[in-house]
Amino acid sequence: MLDRVPDSAKQFCPKNDVQSVWAPDIIKLNGVYYLYYSISSWGEFVSVVGLLTNPTLDINSPNYHWTDRGMVVHSSEGEDLNGIDPGVCLAPNGTFWLCCGSYHGNIELVELDQKSACVSPPIRRPRSSPTKARLRTLFFTTAIVFSL
């Protein structure tokens, strides 16, 4: 799918080995596939959730082409967030959400714009609370599940 880490993410995570892209999550909205991915470097908390789009998943289609839409969320050293492991969801009320974070710090939840599938500008939202502090280092991977 990717020959290399997209430049938009690589600029923010220069220690990435150019081969480590992981924890993708994908959703289809309005006929387009939105693939959210993570990059970082092991042991670092300078991380990015980026976005690629494609009109099809059929590799034989002439329309098959992944387009880099840039960085959606990032985290920096010293924040209470490791911006990796994205989980994306369309809520029953039509809102579009991304959760991310893992291993170090908080799990964050941000609403995405329905048209761009991003937040604008890319955000970092360090937060801390006694509740979140107690939950630190217990989680890998994020997901949103709705129970109706």
Protein backbone atom coordinates (compact mmCIF):
# COMPACT_ATOMS: atom_id res chain seq x y z
CA MET A 1 0.00 0.00 0.00
CA LEU A 2 2.80 2.44 0.89
CA ASP A 3 6.25 2.54 -0.63
CA ARG A 4 7.43 4.84 2.14
CA VAL A 5 6.22 6.88 5.09
CA PRO A 6 4.34 9.92 3.73
CA ASP A 7 6.38 13.13 3.90
CA SER A 8 3.71 14.88 5.99
CA ALA A 9 4.22 12.34 8.79
CA LYS A 10 7.96 11.76 8.30
CA GLN A 11 8.72 15.44 8.91
CA PHE A 12 7.19 15.21 12.36
CA CYS A 13 8.76 11.85 13.29
CA PRO A 14 12.32 12.05 11.94
CA LYS A 15 13.50 9.05 14.03
CA ASN A 16 11.05 6.74 12.27
CA ASP A 17 12.94 4.10 10.28
CA VAL A 18 10.81 4.81 7.19
CA GLN A 19 9.33 1.30 7.35
CA SER A 20 7.31 1.41 10.56
CA VAL A 21 3.70 2.25 9.77
CA TRP A 22 1.20 0.37 11.89
CA ALA A 23 -2.20 0.03 13.53
CA PRO A 24 -4.32 1.12 10.57
CA ASP A 25 -8.05 1.58 10.80
CA ILE A 26 -10.24 2.09 7.77
CA ILE A 27 -13.76 3.32 7.13
CA LYS A 28 -15.75 3.92 3.94
CA LEU A 29 -17.73 7.15 3.77
CA ASN A 30 -19.43 8.66 0.73
CA GLY A 31 -17.74 6.21 -1.62
CA VAL A 32 -14.19 6.89 -0.37
CA TYR A 33 -12.00 4.72 1.86
CA TYR A 34 -10.27 6.62 4.70
CA LEU A 35 -7.28 4.80 6.16
CA TYR A 36 -5.82 6.17 9.40
CA TYR A 37 -2.33 4.95 10.31
CA SER A 38 0.32 5.50 13.00
CA ILE A 39 3.99 6.26 12.84
CA SER A 40 6.46 6.71 15.65
CA SER A 41 9.74 5.18 16.77
CA TRP A 42 9.97 2.50 19.41
CA GLY A 43 10.37 4.11 22.84
CA GLU A 44 9.51 7.57 21.51
CA PHE A 45 6.32 9.49 22.12
CA VAL A 46 6.71 11.79 19.14
CA SER A 47 3.98 10.17 17.09
CA VAL A 48 1.57 10.86 14.25
CA VAL A 49 -1.81 9.62 13.11
CA GLY A 50 -1.97 10.25 9.37
CA LEU A 51 -4.65 9.78 6.75
CA LEU A 52 -4.64 8.17 3.31
CA THR A 53 -7.66 7.99 1.00
CA ASN A 54 -8.56 5.76 -1.92
CA PRO A 55 -11.73 5.54 -4.02
CA THR A 56 -11.41 1.74 -4.22
CA LEU A 57 -9.72 -1.22 -2.58
CA ASP A 58 -9.65 -3.13 -5.87
CA ILE A 59 -5.95 -3.17 -6.78
CA ASN A 60 -6.88 -3.97 -10.40
CA SER A 61 -9.00 -0.86 -10.78
CA PRO A 62 -7.55 2.09 -12.72
CA ASN A 63 -8.85 4.29 -9.89
CA TYR A 64 -6.78 2.47 -7.25
CA HIS A 65 -4.44 5.08 -5.75
CA TRP A 66 -3.69 6.04 -2.15
CA THR A 67 -3.57 9.81 -1.60
CA ASP A 68 -1.74 11.28 1.40
CA ARG A 69 -4.11 13.63 3.23
CA GLY A 70 -1.55 14.51 5.87
CA MET A 71 -1.32 14.45 9.61
CA VAL A 72 -4.55 14.29 11.62
CA VAL A 73 -3.25 14.15 15.20
CA HIS A 74 0.26 14.24 16.65
CA SER A 75 1.92 14.04 20.01
CA SER A 76 5.22 15.43 21.25
CA GLU A 77 7.71 14.34 23.89
CA GLY A 78 6.53 15.29 27.35
CA GLU A 79 2.82 15.23 26.59
CA ASP A 80 0.41 12.86 28.28
CA LEU A 81 -0.47 11.27 24.94
CA ASN A 82 1.22 8.90 22.54
CA GLY A 83 -0.65 9.68 19.31
CA ILE A 84 -0.79 6.16 17.85
CA ASP A 85 -3.27 3.32 17.35
CA PRO A 86 -6.14 5.20 15.69
CA GLY A 87 -9.71 3.97 15.87
CA VAL A 88 -12.32 5.66 13.68
CA CYS A 89 -16.10 5.49 13.91
CA LEU A 90 -19.24 7.01 12.48
CA ALA A 91 -21.64 7.46 15.39
CA PRO A 92 -25.36 6.67 15.13
CA ASN A 93 -26.11 10.43 15.22
CA GLY A 94 -23.89 11.01 12.15
CA THR A 95 -20.86 12.47 13.91
CA PHE A 96 -17.45 11.17 12.91
CA TRP A 97 -14.88 10.34 15.63
CA LEU A 98 -11.23 9.35 15.99
CA CYS A 99 -9.70 7.94 19.15
CA CYS A 100 -5.98 7.44 19.56
CA GLY A 101 -3.35 6.88 22.20
CA SER A 102 -1.68 3.87 23.62
CA TYR A 103 0.73 2.60 26.22
CA HIS A 104 1.89 6.01 27.39
CA GLY A 105 -0.56 8.58 28.64
CA ASN A 106 -4.16 9.17 27.74
CA ILE A 107 -6.59 7.87 25.20
CA GLU A 108 -7.90 10.90 23.30
CA LEU A 109 -11.15 11.32 21.42
CA VAL A 110 -11.66 14.00 18.76
CA GLU A 111 -14.52 14.76 16.42
CA LEU A 112 -13.59 14.75 12.75
CA ASP A 113 -15.00 16.96 10.03
CA GLN A 114 -17.39 14.99 7.77
CA LYS A 115 -15.98 16.56 4.58
CA SER A 116 -12.23 16.44 5.20
CA ALA A 117 -12.18 13.46 7.61
CA CYS A 118 -9.61 15.48 9.58
CA VAL A 119 -9.46 18.03 12.35
CA SER A 120 -8.15 21.37 11.24
CA PRO A 121 -5.42 22.17 12.02
CA PRO A 122 -3.82 18.88 13.14
CA ILE A 123 -4.08 18.85 16.90
CA ARG A 124 -2.35 17.70 19.97
CA ARG A 125 -4.40 17.80 23.12
CA PRO A 126 -2.46 16.95 26.24
CA ARG A 127 -4.75 16.50 29.19
CA SER A 128 -4.36 14.94 32.55
CA SER A 129 -6.71 14.12 35.36
CA PRO A 130 -6.55 11.84 38.40
CA THR A 131 -8.76 9.32 36.58
CA LYS A 132 -6.61 9.24 33.49
CA ALA A 133 -3.42 9.14 35.53
CA ARG A 134 -4.63 5.90 37.14
CA LEU A 135 -5.23 4.37 33.71
CA ARG A 136 -1.77 5.09 32.32
CA THR A 137 0.28 2.33 30.64
CA LEU A 138 -2.57 -0.16 30.69
CA PHE A 139 -3.80 0.16 27.13
CA PHE A 140 -2.78 -0.87 23.64
CA THR A 141 -4.99 -0.02 20.69
CA THR A 142 -8.08 2.13 20.75
CA ALA A 143 -11.56 1.54 19.44
CA ILE A 144 -15.02 3.01 19.73
CA VAL A 145 -17.98 0.68 20.14
CA PHE A 146 -21.59 1.85 20.21
CA SER A 147 -24.23 -0.21 21.96
CA LEU A 148 -27.73 0.53 20.74
